[in-house]
Amino acid sequence: MTAIQACPLPEDALLCRYASDGGYADCYAVEVDGAVSLPQYLRAFYTGRLFRLERLILRLAVNRPSSDAQLLQLAAGATNSFAAWTVEARDHRQLLLSDYLGRTRSWLMVLPLAGAPVPHTRLYFGSAVVPLRTAADGVPRMGWLFHALLGFHRLYSRLLLRGALARLHRPALI
């Protein structure tokens, strides 16, 4: 498997709007053999073991249940909500979700790669955190909890993307 890399956001990424103004945004990418559509990527990402655990935690901790049927509706563009997220923006290649508190964003994108003898797709996953408070000088800043959890977040993001990549190599996603 190709290595997952931290990288700059593509210029047309829906997540770009959160990459400044004191917030935090990251981006990870991996290339996969074959043509992968956004719905295929969403199914692979949100049905992996690690994300199923997150879905369980969201159901128990904040009463935000979700099902695979709801995920299929999200992937098909038939609904604008899933678990603790609401669709903020989408197009045929990418999806930007906002959590129910409006503090974090999750973004997924597929980019078909031209020029190879066989189809390839670059899969992107990124997150953004919007600053909660503004300092006395008016500059938005992230709190201590954000900084304390940042290392875990970076590892978790890579593991989620790795899980999606593994699921894309299996014949049945759900």
C-alpha atoms as a PDB file:
ATOM      1  CA  MET A   1       0.000   0.000   0.000  1.00  0.00           C
ATOM      2  CA  THR A   2       1.082   3.548  -0.671  1.00  0.00           C
ATOM      3  CA  ALA A   3       2.078   5.618   2.332  1.00  0.00           C
ATOM      4  CA  ILE A   4      -0.334   8.128   3.781  1.00  0.00           C
ATOM      5  CA  GLN A   5       1.201  11.586   3.675  1.00  0.00           C
ATOM      6  CA  ALA A   6       0.399  14.888   5.318  1.00  0.00           C
ATOM      7  CA  CYS A   7       0.118  17.447   2.528  1.00  0.00           C
ATOM      8  CA  PRO A   8      -1.186  20.929   1.748  1.00  0.00           C
ATOM      9  CA  LEU A   9      -4.870  21.273   0.964  1.00  0.00           C
ATOM     10  CA  PRO A  10      -5.637  21.321  -2.755  1.00  0.00           C
ATOM     11  CA  GLU A  11      -6.562  24.821  -3.931  1.00  0.00           C
ATOM     12  CA  ASP A  12     -10.153  23.796  -4.646  1.00  0.00           C
ATOM     13  CA  ALA A  13     -10.661  21.960  -1.337  1.00  0.00           C
ATOM     14  CA  LEU A  14     -13.874  22.905   0.432  1.00  0.00           C
ATOM     15  CA  LEU A  15     -11.886  22.804   3.684  1.00  0.00           C
ATOM     16  CA  CYS A  16      -9.647  25.737   2.610  1.00  0.00           C
ATOM     17  CA  ARG A  17     -12.017  28.270   4.172  1.00  0.00           C
ATOM     18  CA  TYR A  18     -10.956  26.977   7.612  1.00  0.00           C
ATOM     19  CA  ALA A  19      -7.193  26.986   7.055  1.00  0.00           C
ATOM     20  CA  SER A  20      -6.739  30.526   8.409  1.00  0.00           C
ATOM     21  CA  ASP A  21      -8.146  32.964  10.951  1.00  0.00           C
ATOM     22  CA  GLY A  22      -6.573  31.224  13.944  1.00  0.00           C
ATOM     23  CA  GLY A  23      -8.168  27.859  13.229  1.00  0.00           C
ATOM     24  CA  TYR A  24      -6.532  24.567  12.452  1.00  0.00           C
ATOM     25  CA  ALA A  25      -6.824  22.529   9.263  1.00  0.00           C
ATOM     26  CA  ASP A  26      -4.934  19.455   8.152  1.00  0.00           C
ATOM     27  CA  CYS A  27      -4.851  17.264   5.088  1.00  0.00           C
ATOM     28  CA  TYR A  28      -3.730  13.691   4.483  1.00  0.00           C
ATOM     29  CA  ALA A  29      -3.593  11.890   1.157  1.00  0.00           C
ATOM     30  CA  VAL A  30      -2.935   8.472  -0.279  1.00  0.00           C
ATOM     31  CA  GLU A  31      -3.039   7.109  -3.815  1.00  0.00           C
ATOM     32  CA  VAL A  32      -4.959   3.969  -4.668  1.00  0.00           C
ATOM     33  CA  ASP A  33      -5.080   1.852  -7.817  1.00  0.00           C
ATOM     34  CA  GLY A  34      -8.332   2.120  -9.706  1.00  0.00           C
ATOM     35  CA  ALA A  35     -11.081   4.661 -10.103  1.00  0.00           C
ATOM     36  CA  VAL A  36     -12.775   5.446  -6.769  1.00  0.00           C
ATOM     37  CA  SER A  37     -15.927   7.536  -6.619  1.00  0.00           C
ATOM     38  CA  LEU A  38     -16.824   9.770  -3.697  1.00  0.00           C
ATOM     39  CA  PRO A  39     -19.690   7.456  -2.633  1.00  0.00           C
ATOM     40  CA  GLN A  40     -17.332   4.459  -2.642  1.00  0.00           C
ATOM     41  CA  TYR A  41     -14.812   6.379  -0.552  1.00  0.00           C
ATOM     42  CA  LEU A  42     -17.454   7.539   1.936  1.00  0.00           C
ATOM     43  CA  ARG A  43     -18.712   3.973   2.412  1.00  0.00           C
ATOM     44  CA  ALA A  44     -15.191   2.663   2.930  1.00  0.00           C
ATOM     45  CA  PHE A  45     -14.274   5.469   5.337  1.00  0.00           C
ATOM     46  CA  TYR A  46     -17.356   5.473   7.559  1.00  0.00           C
ATOM     47  CA  THR A  47     -17.834   1.700   7.813  1.00  0.00           C
ATOM     48  CA  GLY A  48     -14.336   0.775   8.955  1.00  0.00           C
ATOM     49  CA  ARG A  49     -13.837  -0.766  12.394  1.00  0.00           C
ATOM     50  CA  LEU A  50     -12.274   2.324  13.903  1.00  0.00           C
ATOM     51  CA  PHE A  51     -14.996   4.633  12.658  1.00  0.00           C
ATOM     52  CA  ARG A  52     -17.709   2.201  13.749  1.00  0.00           C
ATOM     53  CA  LEU A  53     -16.248   2.583  17.240  1.00  0.00           C
ATOM     54  CA  GLU A  54     -16.514   6.366  16.907  1.00  0.00           C
ATOM     55  CA  ARG A  55     -20.126   5.988  15.763  1.00  0.00           C
ATOM     56  CA  LEU A  56     -20.851   3.886  18.870  1.00  0.00           C
ATOM     57  CA  ILE A  57     -19.252   6.496  21.126  1.00  0.00           C
ATOM     58  CA  LEU A  58     -21.302   9.254  19.480  1.00  0.00           C
ATOM     59  CA  ARG A  59     -24.485   7.254  20.000  1.00  0.00           C
ATOM     60  CA  LEU A  60     -23.751   6.599  23.670  1.00  0.00           C
ATOM     61  CA  ALA A  61     -22.094   9.870  24.674  1.00  0.00           C
ATOM     62  CA  VAL A  62     -24.109  12.487  22.791  1.00  0.00           C
ATOM     63  CA  ASN A  63     -27.154  10.558  21.575  1.00  0.00           C
ATOM     64  CA  ARG A  64     -26.190  10.840  17.883  1.00  0.00           C
ATOM     65  CA  PRO A  65     -26.938   7.377  16.469  1.00  0.00           C
ATOM     66  CA  SER A  66     -26.221   6.407  12.874  1.00  0.00           C
ATOM     67  CA  SER A  67     -26.759   3.425  10.644  1.00  0.00           C
ATOM     68  CA  ASP A  68     -25.231   2.043   7.484  1.00  0.00           C
ATOM     69  CA  ALA A  69     -28.515   2.875   5.728  1.00  0.00           C
ATOM     70  CA  GLN A  70     -28.063   6.549   6.689  1.00  0.00           C
ATOM     71  CA  LEU A  71     -24.491   6.391   5.430  1.00  0.00           C
ATOM     72  CA  LEU A  72     -25.680   5.071   2.072  1.00  0.00           C
ATOM     73  CA  GLN A  73     -28.134   7.978   1.867  1.00  0.00           C
ATOM     74  CA  LEU A  74     -25.319  10.434   2.671  1.00  0.00           C
ATOM     75  CA  ALA A  75     -23.086   8.852   0.033  1.00  0.00           C
ATOM     76  CA  ALA A  76     -25.881   9.066  -2.540  1.00  0.00           C
ATOM     77  CA  GLY A  77     -26.604  12.719  -1.696  1.00  0.00           C
ATOM     78  CA  ALA A  78     -30.087  11.826  -0.428  1.00  0.00           C
ATOM     79  CA  THR A  79     -29.545  13.232   3.080  1.00  0.00           C
ATOM     80  CA  ASN A  80     -27.564  16.059   4.621  1.00  0.00           C
ATOM     81  CA  SER A  81     -26.957  14.549   8.033  1.00  0.00           C
ATOM     82  CA  PHE A  82     -25.120  11.555   9.418  1.00  0.00           C
ATOM     83  CA  ALA A  83     -24.414  10.791  13.085  1.00  0.00           C
ATOM     84  CA  ALA A  84     -23.082  14.028  14.620  1.00  0.00           C
ATOM     85  CA  TRP A  85     -22.471  15.778  11.286  1.00  0.00           C
ATOM     86  CA  THR A  86     -24.348  17.914   8.808  1.00  0.00           C
ATOM     87  CA  VAL A  87     -23.301  18.525   5.235  1.00  0.00           C
ATOM     88  CA  GLU A  88     -21.891  22.022   4.905  1.00  0.00           C
ATOM     89  CA  ALA A  89     -20.866  21.700   1.257  1.00  0.00           C
ATOM     90  CA  ARG A  90     -20.431  19.023  -1.376  1.00  0.00           C
ATOM     91  CA  ASP A  91     -19.729  18.475  -5.032  1.00  0.00           C
ATOM     92  CA  HIS A  92     -19.128  15.355  -7.113  1.00  0.00           C
ATOM     93  CA  ARG A  93     -15.559  14.939  -5.761  1.00  0.00           C
ATOM     94  CA  GLN A  94     -15.705  16.156  -2.152  1.00  0.00           C
ATOM     95  CA  LEU A  95     -17.788  16.442   0.977  1.00  0.00           C
ATOM     96  CA  LEU A  96     -17.435  18.875   3.886  1.00  0.00           C
ATOM     97  CA  LEU A  97     -19.223  18.019   7.134  1.00  0.00           C
ATOM     98  CA  SER A  98     -19.730  20.171  10.227  1.00  0.00           C
ATOM     99  CA  ASP A  99     -20.206  18.641  13.662  1.00  0.00           C
ATOM    100  CA  TYR A 100     -23.404  19.411  15.567  1.00  0.00           C
ATOM    101  CA  LEU A 101     -21.613  22.016  17.723  1.00  0.00           C
ATOM    102  CA  GLY A 102     -20.058  23.777  14.727  1.00  0.00           C
ATOM    103  CA  ARG A 103     -16.545  23.442  16.145  1.00  0.00           C
ATOM    104  CA  THR A 104     -15.012  20.843  13.831  1.00  0.00           C
ATOM    105  CA  ARG A 105     -15.159  19.972  10.159  1.00  0.00           C
ATOM    106  CA  SER A 106     -14.429  16.711   8.376  1.00  0.00           C
ATOM    107  CA  TRP A 107     -13.592  16.710   4.692  1.00  0.00           C
ATOM    108  CA  LEU A 108     -13.140  13.914   2.174  1.00  0.00           C
ATOM    109  CA  MET A 109     -12.177  14.228  -1.480  1.00  0.00           C
ATOM    110  CA  VAL A 110     -11.362  11.952  -4.407  1.00  0.00           C
ATOM    111  CA  LEU A 111      -9.129  13.114  -7.237  1.00  0.00           C
ATOM    112  CA  PRO A 112      -8.781  10.935 -10.352  1.00  0.00           C
ATOM    113  CA  LEU A 113      -5.161  10.981 -11.537  1.00  0.00           C
ATOM    114  CA  ALA A 114      -4.501  11.196 -15.251  1.00  0.00           C
ATOM    115  CA  GLY A 115      -1.451  10.066 -17.140  1.00  0.00           C
ATOM    116  CA  ALA A 116      -1.022   6.591 -15.657  1.00  0.00           C
ATOM    117  CA  PRO A 117      -1.515   3.479 -17.808  1.00  0.00           C
ATOM    118  CA  VAL A 118      -4.154   2.281 -15.317  1.00  0.00           C
ATOM    119  CA  PRO A 119      -6.583   4.472 -13.375  1.00  0.00           C
ATOM    120  CA  HIS A 120      -5.405   5.856 -10.031  1.00  0.00           C
ATOM    121  CA  THR A 121      -7.221   7.974  -7.481  1.00  0.00           C
ATOM    122  CA  ARG A 122      -5.837  10.218  -4.760  1.00  0.00           C
ATOM    123  CA  LEU A 123      -7.926  10.072  -1.595  1.00  0.00           C
ATOM    124  CA  TYR A 124      -7.857  13.067   0.722  1.00  0.00           C
ATOM    125  CA  PHE A 125      -9.032  13.368   4.301  1.00  0.00           C
ATOM    126  CA  GLY A 126      -8.800  16.495   6.384  1.00  0.00           C
ATOM    127  CA  SER A 127     -10.172  18.111   9.488  1.00  0.00           C
ATOM    128  CA  ALA A 128     -10.580  21.624  10.754  1.00  0.00           C
ATOM    129  CA  VAL A 129     -11.091  23.005  14.231  1.00  0.00           C
ATOM    130  CA  VAL A 130     -12.629  26.435  14.658  1.00  0.00           C
ATOM    131  CA  PRO A 131     -11.262  28.462  17.596  1.00  0.00           C
ATOM    132  CA  LEU A 132     -13.664  28.652  20.512  1.00  0.00           C
ATOM    133  CA  ARG A 133     -12.568  31.883  22.115  1.00  0.00           C
ATOM    134  CA  THR A 134     -10.857  35.069  21.144  1.00  0.00           C
ATOM    135  CA  ALA A 135      -7.956  36.438  23.123  1.00  0.00           C
ATOM    136  CA  ALA A 136      -8.006  39.931  24.598  1.00  0.00           C
ATOM    137  CA  ASP A 137      -6.057  41.175  21.571  1.00  0.00           C
ATOM    138  CA  GLY A 138      -8.819  39.955  19.231  1.00  0.00           C
ATOM    139  CA  VAL A 139      -6.741  37.147  17.698  1.00  0.00           C
ATOM    140  CA  PRO A 140      -8.543  33.792  17.706  1.00  0.00           C
ATOM    141  CA  ARG A 141      -6.548  31.033  19.410  1.00  0.00           C
ATOM    142  CA  MET A 142      -6.963  27.361  20.116  1.00  0.00           C
ATOM    143  CA  GLY A 143      -7.309  26.219  23.735  1.00  0.00           C
ATOM    144  CA  TRP A 144      -4.989  23.974  25.745  1.00  0.00           C
ATOM    145  CA  LEU A 145      -7.163  20.878  25.158  1.00  0.00           C
ATOM    146  CA  PHE A 146      -6.734  21.211  21.401  1.00  0.00           C
ATOM    147  CA  HIS A 147      -2.950  21.284  21.765  1.00  0.00           C
ATOM    148  CA  ALA A 148      -2.994  18.374  24.214  1.00  0.00           C
ATOM    149  CA  LEU A 149      -4.972  16.182  21.791  1.00  0.00           C
ATOM    150  CA  LEU A 150      -3.308  17.216  18.523  1.00  0.00           C
ATOM    151  CA  GLY A 151      -0.853  14.303  18.412  1.00  0.00           C
ATOM    152  CA  PHE A 152      -3.691  11.819  18.954  1.00  0.00           C
ATOM    153  CA  HIS A 153      -5.769  13.542  16.275  1.00  0.00           C
ATOM    154  CA  ARG A 154      -2.969  13.262  13.704  1.00  0.00           C
ATOM    155  CA  LEU A 155      -2.504   9.562  14.415  1.00  0.00           C
ATOM    156  CA  TYR A 156      -6.264   8.934  14.379  1.00  0.00           C
ATOM    157  CA  SER A 157      -6.646  10.708  11.022  1.00  0.00           C
ATOM    158  CA  ARG A 158      -3.992   8.478   9.458  1.00  0.00           C
ATOM    159  CA  LEU A 159      -5.573   5.355  10.944  1.00  0.00           C
ATOM    160  CA  LEU A 160      -9.011   6.315   9.590  1.00  0.00           C
ATOM    161  CA  LEU A 161      -7.582   6.858   6.117  1.00  0.00           C
ATOM    162  CA  ARG A 162      -5.629   3.590   6.311  1.00  0.00           C
ATOM    163  CA  GLY A 163      -8.843   1.766   7.255  1.00  0.00           C
ATOM    164  CA  ALA A 164     -10.681   3.243   4.271  1.00  0.00           C
ATOM    165  CA  LEU A 165      -7.839   2.255   1.976  1.00  0.00           C
ATOM    166  CA  ALA A 166      -7.937  -1.329   3.272  1.00  0.00           C
ATOM    167  CA  ARG A 167     -11.717  -1.510   2.809  1.00  0.00           C
ATOM    168  CA  LEU A 168     -11.449  -0.265  -0.776  1.00  0.00           C
ATOM    169  CA  HIS A 169      -9.303  -3.303  -1.540  1.00  0.00           C
ATOM    170  CA  ARG A 170     -12.101  -5.653  -0.377  1.00  0.00           C
ATOM    171  CA  PRO A 171     -14.871  -6.718  -2.766  1.00  0.00           C
ATOM    172  CA  ALA A 172     -17.828  -5.798  -0.496  1.00  0.00           C
ATOM    173  CA  LEU A 173     -17.872  -2.569   1.504  1.00  0.00           C
ATOM    174  CA  ILE A 174     -21.102  -2.989   3.505  1.00  0.00           C
END
